[in-house]
């Protein structure tokens, strides 16, 4: 499996009323790293032919991140079955290595023109191995 990693600092706009990263922001980060990984690995031609939509997010929150923390996010494709691809995203405190969030998201591949589900092609699967 091919891992993709991003590292960044928690910003003021990431926080909620309790001064820790808002749960909604974690979902945004999960979607952003997934999109960035897809765009890094695939060609524009592939991206013109197929798009992904979320079928299911399963997110476990273990510890809060706060302003000034450096976040390391790692993602990879765990499994592909038919049109469904299961992506894992781990969000950690970069300084301590402590796991903050673990997410498993089921993404459904759609044909970009018809928006009908499409089996993940072997050529795409191979890009993420």
N, C-alpha and C. Protein backbone atom coordinates (compact mmCIF):
# COMPACT_ATOMS: atom_id res chain seq x y z
N UNK A 1 0.84 -1.18 0.00
CA UNK A 1 0.00 0.00 0.00
C UNK A 1 0.88 1.24 0.00
N UNK A 2 0.45 2.24 -0.70
CA UNK A 2 1.20 3.48 -0.79
C UNK A 2 0.68 4.47 0.25
N UNK A 3 1.57 4.93 1.12
CA UNK A 3 1.20 5.92 2.12
C UNK A 3 1.40 7.32 1.58
N UNK A 4 0.58 8.23 2.06
CA UNK A 4 0.70 9.64 1.72
C UNK A 4 0.60 10.41 3.03
N UNK A 5 1.51 11.36 3.27
CA UNK A 5 1.57 12.06 4.54
C UNK A 5 1.60 13.57 4.32
N UNK A 6 0.93 14.29 5.20
CA UNK A 6 0.99 15.75 5.25
C UNK A 6 1.21 16.17 6.70
N UNK A 7 1.94 17.26 6.88
CA UNK A 7 2.22 17.80 8.22
C UNK A 7 1.91 19.30 8.20
N UNK A 8 1.25 19.77 9.26
CA UNK A 8 0.88 21.19 9.34
C UNK A 8 0.61 21.56 10.79
N UNK A 9 0.52 22.85 11.06
CA UNK A 9 0.25 23.35 12.41
C UNK A 9 -1.23 23.67 12.59
N UNK A 10 -1.76 23.39 13.77
CA UNK A 10 -3.13 23.76 14.11
C UNK A 10 -3.22 25.29 14.15
N UNK A 11 -4.25 25.82 13.50
CA UNK A 11 -4.48 27.26 13.42
C UNK A 11 -5.69 27.66 14.28
N UNK A 12 -5.79 28.92 14.59
CA UNK A 12 -6.88 29.44 15.42
C UNK A 12 -8.25 29.07 14.85
N UNK A 13 -8.40 29.13 13.53
CA UNK A 13 -9.69 28.84 12.90
C UNK A 13 -10.07 27.35 12.99
N UNK A 14 -9.13 26.49 13.41
CA UNK A 14 -9.43 25.06 13.57
C UNK A 14 -10.11 24.74 14.89
N UNK A 15 -10.12 25.69 15.81
CA UNK A 15 -10.58 25.44 17.18
C UNK A 15 -12.07 25.66 17.36
N UNK A 16 -12.62 24.99 18.38
CA UNK A 16 -14.02 25.18 18.77
C UNK A 16 -14.08 25.97 20.07
N UNK A 17 -15.24 26.03 20.69
CA UNK A 17 -15.44 26.79 21.93
C UNK A 17 -14.64 26.23 23.12
N UNK A 18 -14.18 25.00 23.02
CA UNK A 18 -13.39 24.39 24.09
C UNK A 18 -11.89 24.54 23.86
N UNK A 19 -11.54 25.30 22.81
CA UNK A 19 -10.14 25.57 22.45
C UNK A 19 -9.36 24.32 22.05
N UNK A 20 -10.07 23.35 21.48
CA UNK A 20 -9.37 22.24 20.83
C UNK A 20 -9.94 22.09 19.42
N UNK A 21 -9.26 21.31 18.58
CA UNK A 21 -9.70 21.19 17.19
C UNK A 21 -11.12 20.64 17.14
N UNK A 22 -11.95 21.33 16.39
CA UNK A 22 -13.35 20.99 16.22
C UNK A 22 -13.49 19.66 15.46
N UNK A 23 -14.43 18.82 15.87
CA UNK A 23 -14.65 17.54 15.21
C UNK A 23 -14.94 17.70 13.72
N UNK A 24 -15.65 18.74 13.36
CA UNK A 24 -15.95 18.99 11.95
C UNK A 24 -14.67 19.27 11.17
N UNK A 25 -13.72 19.94 11.82
CA UNK A 25 -12.45 20.24 11.16
C UNK A 25 -11.67 18.95 10.86
N UNK A 26 -11.73 17.98 11.77
CA UNK A 26 -11.08 16.69 11.50
C UNK A 26 -11.68 16.05 10.25
N UNK A 27 -13.01 16.10 10.10
CA UNK A 27 -13.66 15.55 8.91
C UNK A 27 -13.16 16.27 7.66
N UNK A 28 -13.04 17.59 7.74
CA UNK A 28 -12.51 18.36 6.60
C UNK A 28 -11.08 17.92 6.27
N UNK A 29 -10.26 17.75 7.29
CA UNK A 29 -8.88 17.30 7.06
C UNK A 29 -8.85 15.92 6.40
N UNK A 30 -9.72 15.03 6.86
CA UNK A 30 -9.80 13.68 6.29
C UNK A 30 -10.15 13.76 4.81
N UNK A 31 -11.10 14.58 4.47
CA UNK A 31 -11.49 14.73 3.07
C UNK A 31 -10.38 15.41 2.26
N UNK A 32 -9.72 16.41 2.84
CA UNK A 32 -8.66 17.13 2.12
C UNK A 32 -7.48 16.22 1.81
N UNK A 33 -7.01 15.44 2.79
CA UNK A 33 -5.85 14.57 2.53
C UNK A 33 -6.22 13.48 1.53
N UNK A 34 -7.45 13.00 1.58
CA UNK A 34 -7.90 11.99 0.63
C UNK A 34 -7.85 12.56 -0.79
N UNK A 35 -8.37 13.75 -0.96
CA UNK A 35 -8.36 14.41 -2.27
C UNK A 35 -6.93 14.69 -2.73
N UNK A 36 -6.10 15.18 -1.82
CA UNK A 36 -4.71 15.49 -2.19
C UNK A 36 -3.95 14.25 -2.63
N UNK A 37 -4.17 13.14 -1.93
CA UNK A 37 -3.52 11.88 -2.30
C UNK A 37 -3.98 11.44 -3.68
N UNK A 38 -5.28 11.49 -3.93
CA UNK A 38 -5.86 11.12 -5.22
C UNK A 38 -5.23 11.98 -6.33
N UNK A 39 -5.16 13.28 -6.10
CA UNK A 39 -4.63 14.18 -7.13
C UNK A 39 -3.13 14.00 -7.34
N UNK A 40 -2.40 13.63 -6.30
CA UNK A 40 -0.96 13.42 -6.44
C UNK A 40 -0.64 12.18 -7.26
N UNK A 41 -1.43 11.13 -7.09
CA UNK A 41 -1.13 9.84 -7.69
C UNK A 41 -1.72 9.67 -9.09
N UNK A 42 -2.85 10.31 -9.36
CA UNK A 42 -3.54 10.09 -10.64
C UNK A 42 -3.27 11.21 -11.64
N UNK A 43 -3.53 10.90 -12.89
CA UNK A 43 -3.40 11.89 -13.97
C UNK A 43 -4.69 12.69 -14.11
N UNK A 44 -4.60 13.80 -14.79
CA UNK A 44 -5.79 14.61 -15.05
C UNK A 44 -6.79 13.81 -15.88
N UNK A 45 -6.30 13.00 -16.79
CA UNK A 45 -7.18 12.18 -17.63
C UNK A 45 -8.03 11.24 -16.77
N UNK A 46 -7.40 10.59 -15.80
CA UNK A 46 -8.14 9.70 -14.88
C UNK A 46 -9.16 10.51 -14.08
N UNK A 47 -8.74 11.66 -13.56
CA UNK A 47 -9.64 12.49 -12.75
C UNK A 47 -10.81 13.04 -13.56
N UNK A 48 -10.64 13.17 -14.87
CA UNK A 48 -11.74 13.62 -15.74
C UNK A 48 -12.76 12.52 -15.96
N UNK A 49 -12.35 11.26 -15.78
CA UNK A 49 -13.22 10.12 -16.06
C UNK A 49 -13.98 9.61 -14.84
N UNK A 50 -13.44 9.88 -13.63
CA UNK A 50 -14.07 9.32 -12.44
C UNK A 50 -13.96 10.26 -11.25
N UNK A 51 -14.95 10.19 -10.38
CA UNK A 51 -14.99 11.02 -9.17
C UNK A 51 -15.39 10.13 -7.99
N UNK A 52 -15.05 10.61 -6.79
CA UNK A 52 -15.36 9.87 -5.56
C UNK A 52 -16.38 10.62 -4.72
N UNK A 53 -17.25 9.87 -4.06
CA UNK A 53 -18.16 10.43 -3.07
C UNK A 53 -18.08 9.58 -1.80
N UNK A 54 -18.29 10.20 -0.67
CA UNK A 54 -18.23 9.48 0.60
C UNK A 54 -19.50 8.67 0.79
N UNK A 55 -19.33 7.41 1.13
CA UNK A 55 -20.46 6.55 1.49
C UNK A 55 -20.60 6.49 3.01
N UNK A 56 -19.44 6.42 3.71
CA UNK A 56 -19.49 6.25 5.15
C UNK A 56 -18.18 6.72 5.78
N UNK A 57 -18.28 7.50 6.86
CA UNK A 57 -17.12 7.86 7.68
C UNK A 57 -17.25 7.11 9.01
N UNK A 58 -16.19 6.48 9.46
CA UNK A 58 -16.13 5.90 10.80
C UNK A 58 -14.91 6.54 11.46
N UNK A 59 -15.15 7.42 12.41
CA UNK A 59 -14.08 8.21 13.01
C UNK A 59 -14.02 7.96 14.52
N UNK A 60 -12.83 7.61 14.98
CA UNK A 60 -12.60 7.44 16.42
C UNK A 60 -11.68 8.56 16.88
N UNK A 61 -12.17 9.32 17.86
CA UNK A 61 -11.41 10.43 18.43
C UNK A 61 -10.74 9.94 19.72
N UNK A 62 -9.43 10.05 19.78
CA UNK A 62 -8.68 9.53 20.93
C UNK A 62 -8.17 10.63 21.86
N UNK A 63 -7.74 11.75 21.29
CA UNK A 63 -7.19 12.83 22.08
C UNK A 63 -7.33 14.12 21.29
N UNK A 64 -7.42 15.23 21.97
CA UNK A 64 -7.61 16.52 21.31
C UNK A 64 -6.30 17.15 20.89
N UNK A 65 -6.36 17.87 19.80
CA UNK A 65 -5.25 18.73 19.38
C UNK A 65 -5.63 20.17 19.73
N UNK A 66 -4.61 20.97 20.02
CA UNK A 66 -4.83 22.37 20.42
C UNK A 66 -3.96 23.29 19.58
N UNK A 67 -4.21 24.57 19.73
CA UNK A 67 -3.47 25.59 18.99
C UNK A 67 -1.97 25.41 19.19
N UNK A 68 -1.24 25.45 18.10
CA UNK A 68 0.21 25.32 18.15
C UNK A 68 0.72 23.91 17.97
N UNK A 69 -0.16 22.90 18.11
CA UNK A 69 0.27 21.52 17.86
C UNK A 69 0.61 21.36 16.38
N UNK A 70 1.59 20.54 16.11
CA UNK A 70 1.89 20.15 14.73
C UNK A 70 1.25 18.80 14.49
N UNK A 71 0.47 18.73 13.43
CA UNK A 71 -0.31 17.55 13.09
C UNK A 71 0.37 16.80 11.96
N UNK A 72 0.43 15.48 12.09
CA UNK A 72 0.88 14.64 10.98
C UNK A 72 -0.28 13.74 10.60
N UNK A 73 -0.68 13.82 9.34
CA UNK A 73 -1.74 12.95 8.83
C UNK A 73 -1.14 11.98 7.84
N UNK A 74 -1.54 10.73 7.98
CA UNK A 74 -1.10 9.67 7.08
C UNK A 74 -2.33 8.98 6.54
N UNK A 75 -2.32 8.67 5.24
CA UNK A 75 -3.46 7.97 4.65
C UNK A 75 -2.99 6.91 3.67
N UNK A 76 -3.83 5.89 3.52
CA UNK A 76 -3.58 4.84 2.54
C UNK A 76 -4.89 4.13 2.24
N UNK A 77 -4.91 3.43 1.11
CA UNK A 77 -6.08 2.64 0.73
C UNK A 77 -5.91 1.26 1.35
N UNK A 78 -6.88 0.87 2.16
CA UNK A 78 -6.84 -0.43 2.83
C UNK A 78 -7.41 -1.54 1.95
N UNK A 79 -8.47 -1.21 1.19
CA UNK A 79 -9.19 -2.24 0.46
C UNK A 79 -10.01 -1.63 -0.66
N UNK A 80 -10.21 -2.41 -1.73
CA UNK A 80 -11.11 -2.04 -2.82
C UNK A 80 -12.02 -3.22 -3.09
N UNK A 81 -13.31 -2.97 -3.13
CA UNK A 81 -14.29 -3.99 -3.47
C UNK A 81 -15.34 -3.36 -4.38
N UNK A 82 -15.38 -3.80 -5.64
CA UNK A 82 -16.32 -3.21 -6.59
C UNK A 82 -16.05 -1.72 -6.72
N UNK A 83 -17.07 -0.89 -6.50
CA UNK A 83 -16.87 0.56 -6.60
C UNK A 83 -16.42 1.20 -5.28
N UNK A 84 -16.28 0.40 -4.22
CA UNK A 84 -15.98 0.93 -2.89
C UNK A 84 -14.49 0.79 -2.57
N UNK A 85 -13.93 1.90 -2.12
CA UNK A 85 -12.54 1.92 -1.68
C UNK A 85 -12.53 2.37 -0.23
N UNK A 86 -11.87 1.58 0.62
CA UNK A 86 -11.78 1.93 2.03
C UNK A 86 -10.42 2.59 2.29
N UNK A 87 -10.48 3.83 2.76
CA UNK A 87 -9.28 4.62 3.02
C UNK A 87 -9.14 4.83 4.52
N UNK A 88 -7.93 4.63 5.01
CA UNK A 88 -7.60 4.86 6.41
C UNK A 88 -6.87 6.20 6.50
N UNK A 89 -7.23 7.00 7.49
CA UNK A 89 -6.52 8.25 7.80
C UNK A 89 -6.20 8.22 9.29
N UNK A 90 -4.91 8.40 9.59
CA UNK A 90 -4.46 8.51 10.98
C UNK A 90 -3.94 9.92 11.19
N UNK A 91 -4.44 10.55 12.24
CA UNK A 91 -4.02 11.91 12.57
C UNK A 91 -3.29 11.83 13.91
N UNK A 92 -2.04 12.28 13.91
CA UNK A 92 -1.21 12.18 15.11
C UNK A 92 -0.62 13.54 15.47
N UNK A 93 -0.25 13.65 16.76
CA UNK A 93 0.55 14.78 17.20
C UNK A 93 1.96 14.50 16.72
N UNK A 94 2.50 15.38 15.87
CA UNK A 94 3.80 15.12 15.25
C UNK A 94 4.94 15.10 16.27
N UNK A 95 4.80 15.86 17.35
CA UNK A 95 5.87 15.93 18.36
C UNK A 95 5.91 14.67 19.23
N UNK A 96 4.73 14.23 19.68
CA UNK A 96 4.67 13.10 20.61
C UNK A 96 4.41 11.76 19.91
N UNK A 97 3.89 11.81 18.70
CA UNK A 97 3.53 10.59 17.98
C UNK A 97 2.21 10.00 18.44
N UNK A 98 1.54 10.67 19.37
CA UNK A 98 0.29 10.15 19.92
C UNK A 98 -0.84 10.22 18.89
N UNK A 99 -1.57 9.11 18.77
CA UNK A 99 -2.71 9.05 17.86
C UNK A 99 -3.84 9.92 18.39
N UNK A 100 -4.32 10.85 17.56
CA UNK A 100 -5.43 11.72 17.93
C UNK A 100 -6.74 11.22 17.35
N UNK A 101 -6.70 10.84 16.07
CA UNK A 101 -7.90 10.42 15.36
C UNK A 101 -7.53 9.27 14.42
N UNK A 102 -8.41 8.28 14.36
CA UNK A 102 -8.28 7.19 13.41
C UNK A 102 -9.59 7.12 12.64
N UNK A 103 -9.51 7.19 11.31
CA UNK A 103 -10.72 7.20 10.49
C UNK A 103 -10.64 6.15 9.39
N UNK A 104 -11.77 5.52 9.15
CA UNK A 104 -11.94 4.61 8.01
C UNK A 104 -13.11 5.17 7.21
N UNK A 105 -12.85 5.51 5.96
CA UNK A 105 -13.88 6.08 5.12
C UNK A 105 -14.10 5.19 3.91
N UNK A 106 -15.36 4.90 3.64
CA UNK A 106 -15.72 4.19 2.42
C UNK A 106 -16.06 5.24 1.37
N UNK A 107 -15.30 5.21 0.29
CA UNK A 107 -15.53 6.10 -0.84
C UNK A 107 -16.10 5.28 -1.98
N UNK A 108 -17.10 5.83 -2.67
CA UNK A 108 -17.70 5.15 -3.82
C UNK A 108 -17.25 5.85 -5.10
N UNK A 109 -16.70 5.08 -6.03
CA UNK A 109 -16.23 5.61 -7.30
C UNK A 109 -17.40 5.75 -8.26
N UNK A 110 -17.49 6.93 -8.88
CA UNK A 110 -18.55 7.20 -9.85
C UNK A 110 -17.95 7.56 -11.20
N UNK A 111 -18.67 7.20 -12.25
CA UNK A 111 -18.32 7.68 -13.59
C UNK A 111 -18.57 9.19 -13.60
N UNK A 112 -17.63 9.97 -14.06
CA UNK A 112 -17.73 11.44 -13.99
C UNK A 112 -18.84 12.00 -14.88
N UNK A 113 -19.25 11.26 -15.89
CA UNK A 113 -20.30 11.77 -16.78
C UNK A 113 -21.70 11.35 -16.34
N UNK A 114 -21.84 10.08 -15.93
CA UNK A 114 -23.17 9.56 -15.58
C UNK A 114 -23.46 9.61 -14.09
N UNK A 115 -22.42 9.75 -13.28
CA UNK A 115 -22.52 9.70 -11.81
C UNK A 115 -23.07 8.37 -11.32
N UNK A 116 -22.87 7.32 -12.10
CA UNK A 116 -23.25 5.97 -11.69
C UNK A 116 -22.02 5.29 -11.09
N UNK A 117 -22.23 4.41 -10.09
CA UNK A 117 -21.10 3.69 -9.51
C UNK A 117 -20.31 2.93 -10.57
N UNK A 118 -19.00 2.89 -10.36
CA UNK A 118 -18.09 2.26 -11.32
C UNK A 118 -17.07 1.44 -10.54
N UNK A 119 -16.87 0.20 -10.95
CA UNK A 119 -15.85 -0.65 -10.32
C UNK A 119 -14.50 0.03 -10.40
N UNK A 120 -13.73 -0.01 -9.29
CA UNK A 120 -12.40 0.58 -9.30
C UNK A 120 -11.53 -0.20 -10.28
N UNK A 121 -11.05 0.45 -11.35
CA UNK A 121 -10.24 -0.26 -12.34
C UNK A 121 -8.91 -0.74 -11.74
N UNK A 122 -8.43 -1.87 -12.24
CA UNK A 122 -7.14 -2.41 -11.78
C UNK A 122 -6.03 -1.39 -11.96
N UNK A 123 -6.08 -0.62 -13.04
CA UNK A 123 -5.03 0.39 -13.28
C UNK A 123 -5.00 1.44 -12.18
N UNK A 124 -6.15 1.76 -11.62
CA UNK A 124 -6.21 2.72 -10.49
C UNK A 124 -5.76 2.05 -9.21
N UNK A 125 -6.21 0.82 -8.97
CA UNK A 125 -5.79 0.08 -7.77
C UNK A 125 -4.27 0.02 -7.69
N UNK A 126 -3.65 -0.27 -8.82
CA UNK A 126 -2.20 -0.43 -8.89
C UNK A 126 -1.48 0.86 -8.48
N UNK A 127 -2.04 2.00 -8.80
CA UNK A 127 -1.41 3.29 -8.45
C UNK A 127 -1.27 3.47 -6.95
N UNK A 128 -2.12 2.81 -6.18
CA UNK A 128 -2.13 3.01 -4.73
C UNK A 128 -1.52 1.85 -3.94
N UNK A 129 -0.89 0.92 -4.64
CA UNK A 129 -0.23 -0.21 -3.97
C UNK A 129 1.13 0.18 -3.45
